[in-house]
Protein backbone atom coordinates (compact mmCIF):
# COMPACT_ATOMS: atom_id res chain seq x y z
CA MET A 1 41.55 -84.25 21.09
CA THR A 2 41.37 -81.10 19.25
CA ALA A 3 44.41 -78.80 19.40
CA TYR A 4 43.73 -75.17 19.94
CA VAL A 5 46.73 -73.36 18.33
CA GLY A 6 47.40 -69.76 19.13
CA VAL A 7 48.83 -67.81 16.27
CA CYS A 8 50.48 -64.59 17.42
CA GLY A 9 52.23 -61.88 15.25
CA ALA A 10 52.21 -58.06 14.21
CA GLY A 11 49.08 -56.34 13.31
CA MET A 12 48.49 -54.96 9.70
CA ALA A 13 50.54 -51.78 10.05
CA ALA A 14 53.80 -53.82 11.09
CA ALA A 15 53.34 -57.34 9.61
CA ARG A 16 55.88 -58.24 6.93
CA PRO A 17 54.89 -59.83 3.92
CA ALA A 18 56.91 -63.07 4.66
CA ASP A 19 54.99 -63.07 8.06
CA LEU A 20 51.56 -62.92 6.36
CA HIS A 21 52.54 -65.67 4.05
CA ALA A 22 53.70 -67.96 6.99
CA ALA A 23 50.77 -67.15 8.97
CA GLU A 24 48.35 -68.14 6.05
CA GLU A 25 50.07 -71.29 5.58
CA VAL A 26 50.16 -71.98 9.31
CA GLY A 27 46.32 -71.39 9.55
CA ARG A 28 45.66 -73.58 6.56
CA ARG A 29 47.80 -76.48 8.02
CA VAL A 30 46.23 -76.24 11.45
CA ALA A 31 42.91 -76.54 9.91
CA GLU A 32 43.72 -79.47 7.79
CA ALA A 33 45.02 -81.25 10.88
CA GLY A 34 41.61 -80.68 12.55
CA GLY A 35 43.00 -77.92 14.92
CA ILE A 36 41.55 -74.63 15.96
CA VAL A 37 43.40 -71.30 15.16
CA VAL A 38 43.14 -69.06 18.18
CA CYS A 39 44.36 -65.24 17.76
CA GLY A 40 43.64 -61.81 18.61
CA GLY A 41 41.04 -61.48 15.85
CA LEU A 42 42.39 -58.37 14.12
CA GLY A 43 44.41 -57.81 11.00
CA GLY A 44 47.98 -58.61 9.93
CA VAL A 45 49.24 -62.12 10.95
CA MET A 46 45.82 -62.71 12.96
CA GLU A 47 43.83 -62.13 9.69
CA ALA A 48 46.12 -64.18 7.47
CA ALA A 49 46.26 -67.14 9.83
CA CYS A 50 42.37 -67.07 10.10
CA ARG A 51 42.16 -66.63 6.24
CA GLY A 52 44.35 -69.72 5.72
CA ALA A 53 42.26 -71.75 8.20
CA ARG A 54 39.01 -70.80 6.69
CA SER A 55 40.41 -71.70 3.24
CA ALA A 56 40.57 -75.21 4.54
CA ASP A 57 37.09 -74.98 6.27
CA GLY A 58 38.80 -74.80 9.66
CA ILE A 59 37.37 -72.98 12.76
CA THR A 60 39.02 -69.71 13.95
CA LEU A 61 38.62 -68.04 17.54
CA GLY A 62 39.19 -64.37 17.89
CA LEU A 63 39.65 -62.69 21.18
CA LEU A 64 39.10 -59.24 20.36
CA PRO A 65 40.78 -56.27 22.45
CA ALA A 66 37.70 -54.11 22.30
CA ALA A 67 33.94 -54.47 23.24
CA ASP A 68 32.95 -54.64 19.43
CA ARG A 69 32.36 -57.94 17.75
CA GLY A 70 32.40 -56.03 14.49
CA ALA A 71 36.14 -55.31 14.76
CA ALA A 72 37.00 -59.15 13.88
CA ASN A 73 38.55 -59.72 10.73
CA PRO A 74 36.28 -61.41 8.16
CA PHE A 75 37.92 -64.65 8.62
CA VAL A 76 36.87 -65.06 12.28
CA SER A 77 34.39 -67.81 12.82
CA VAL A 78 33.84 -66.94 16.72
CA GLY A 79 34.57 -63.65 17.75
CA ILE A 80 34.48 -62.69 21.51
CA PRO A 81 34.71 -59.15 22.28
CA THR A 82 36.79 -58.93 25.76
CA GLY A 83 36.85 -55.13 26.10
CA MET A 84 40.31 -55.76 27.73
CA GLY A 85 42.62 -54.18 25.38
CA GLU A 86 46.17 -55.78 25.12
CA LEU A 87 45.45 -57.63 28.25
CA ARG A 88 43.40 -60.02 25.96
CA ASN A 89 46.88 -61.55 24.97
CA GLY A 90 46.71 -63.48 28.27
CA LEU A 91 43.24 -65.01 27.23
CA VAL A 92 44.79 -66.00 23.80
CA VAL A 93 47.67 -67.84 25.45
CA ARG A 94 45.36 -69.41 28.26
CA THR A 95 43.17 -70.74 25.48
CA ALA A 96 45.82 -72.17 23.43
CA ASP A 97 47.53 -75.56 24.01
CA VAL A 98 50.57 -74.38 21.80
CA VAL A 99 51.36 -70.85 20.71
CA ILE A 100 53.01 -70.14 17.01
CA ALA A 101 54.85 -66.87 17.11
CA ILE A 102 55.48 -65.39 13.74
CA GLY A 103 57.79 -62.26 13.36
CA GLY A 104 55.96 -59.78 15.83
CA GLU A 105 56.01 -56.53 17.83
CA TRP A 106 55.63 -56.01 21.48
CA GLY A 107 52.26 -57.60 21.54
CA THR A 108 53.95 -60.87 20.24
CA LEU A 109 56.50 -60.69 22.91
CA SER A 110 53.95 -60.47 25.50
CA GLU A 111 52.19 -63.37 24.32
CA ILE A 112 55.48 -65.33 24.10
CA ALA A 113 56.35 -64.36 27.70
CA LEU A 114 52.89 -65.16 29.06
CA ALA A 115 53.00 -68.56 27.32
CA MET A 116 56.38 -69.47 28.68
CA LYS A 117 55.17 -68.22 32.23
CA MET A 118 52.25 -70.54 32.11
CA GLY A 119 53.98 -73.57 30.70
CA THR A 120 52.55 -73.53 27.14
CA PRO A 121 54.77 -74.53 24.38
CA VAL A 122 55.96 -71.98 21.99
CA VAL A 123 57.09 -72.52 18.23
CA GLY A 124 58.57 -69.39 16.44
CA ILE A 125 59.03 -68.59 12.88
CA ASP A 126 61.43 -65.62 12.56
CA THR A 127 60.28 -63.97 15.72
CA TRP A 128 61.90 -62.76 18.83
CA ASP A 129 65.37 -64.33 19.70
CA LEU A 130 65.38 -64.17 23.37
CA ARG A 131 68.35 -66.31 23.83
CA ARG A 132 66.64 -68.66 26.28
CA PRO A 133 65.56 -71.88 26.43
CA GLY A 134 61.86 -72.42 25.54
CA ILE A 135 61.00 -71.18 22.09
CA GLU A 136 61.46 -73.96 19.38
CA VAL A 137 62.68 -72.40 16.18
CA ALA A 138 60.94 -73.48 13.25
CA ALA A 139 62.17 -72.75 9.61
CA ASP A 140 58.80 -72.64 7.95
CA ALA A 141 55.14 -72.97 8.52
CA GLY A 142 55.12 -76.73 7.82
CA VAL A 143 57.71 -77.56 10.38
CA ALA A 144 56.16 -75.15 12.82
CA VAL A 145 52.64 -76.71 12.72
CA GLU A 146 54.18 -80.26 12.66
CA ARG A 147 55.99 -79.39 15.98
CA ALA A 148 53.12 -77.52 17.43
CA LEU A 149 50.67 -80.19 16.99
CA ALA A 150 53.15 -82.67 18.62
CA LEU A 151 53.60 -80.41 21.58
CA ALA A 152 49.75 -79.58 21.93
CA SER A 153 49.12 -83.27 22.36
CA ARG A 154 51.61 -83.53 25.45
CA PRO A 155 50.50 -82.61 28.93
CA HIS A 156 52.04 -79.48 30.02
């Protein structure tokens, strides 16, 4: 079974360099394992994850907030213009078998919350500390992807 791994994190304006580095490595590792990266399709963490996946000949799915497919970052393999704005976060999470949250802003928090509400496993790298059970903390991209792929293969 192919794992669809949602990668969530801050856009270009708020993404920290460490988040971008982790996201690129997550994307590459997901692709090397035969998984598909699912994200919001724009810049920042989303673009870094897509760039990493494409560097390993992986597939990336971008669920775009606007109605313009051309808004996708250049590393999106399949861009779907939803026209739903931030509401597309629900589609990202619903499409994913597991979510890896990297750093993040309010949109990332919404994706974490939706994933937890839907029962989709969440692995976090330096992301929101909600002091609630449910988010598995990973020290780095390698651990995050290993754990995410294991969680994606379990029924939830």
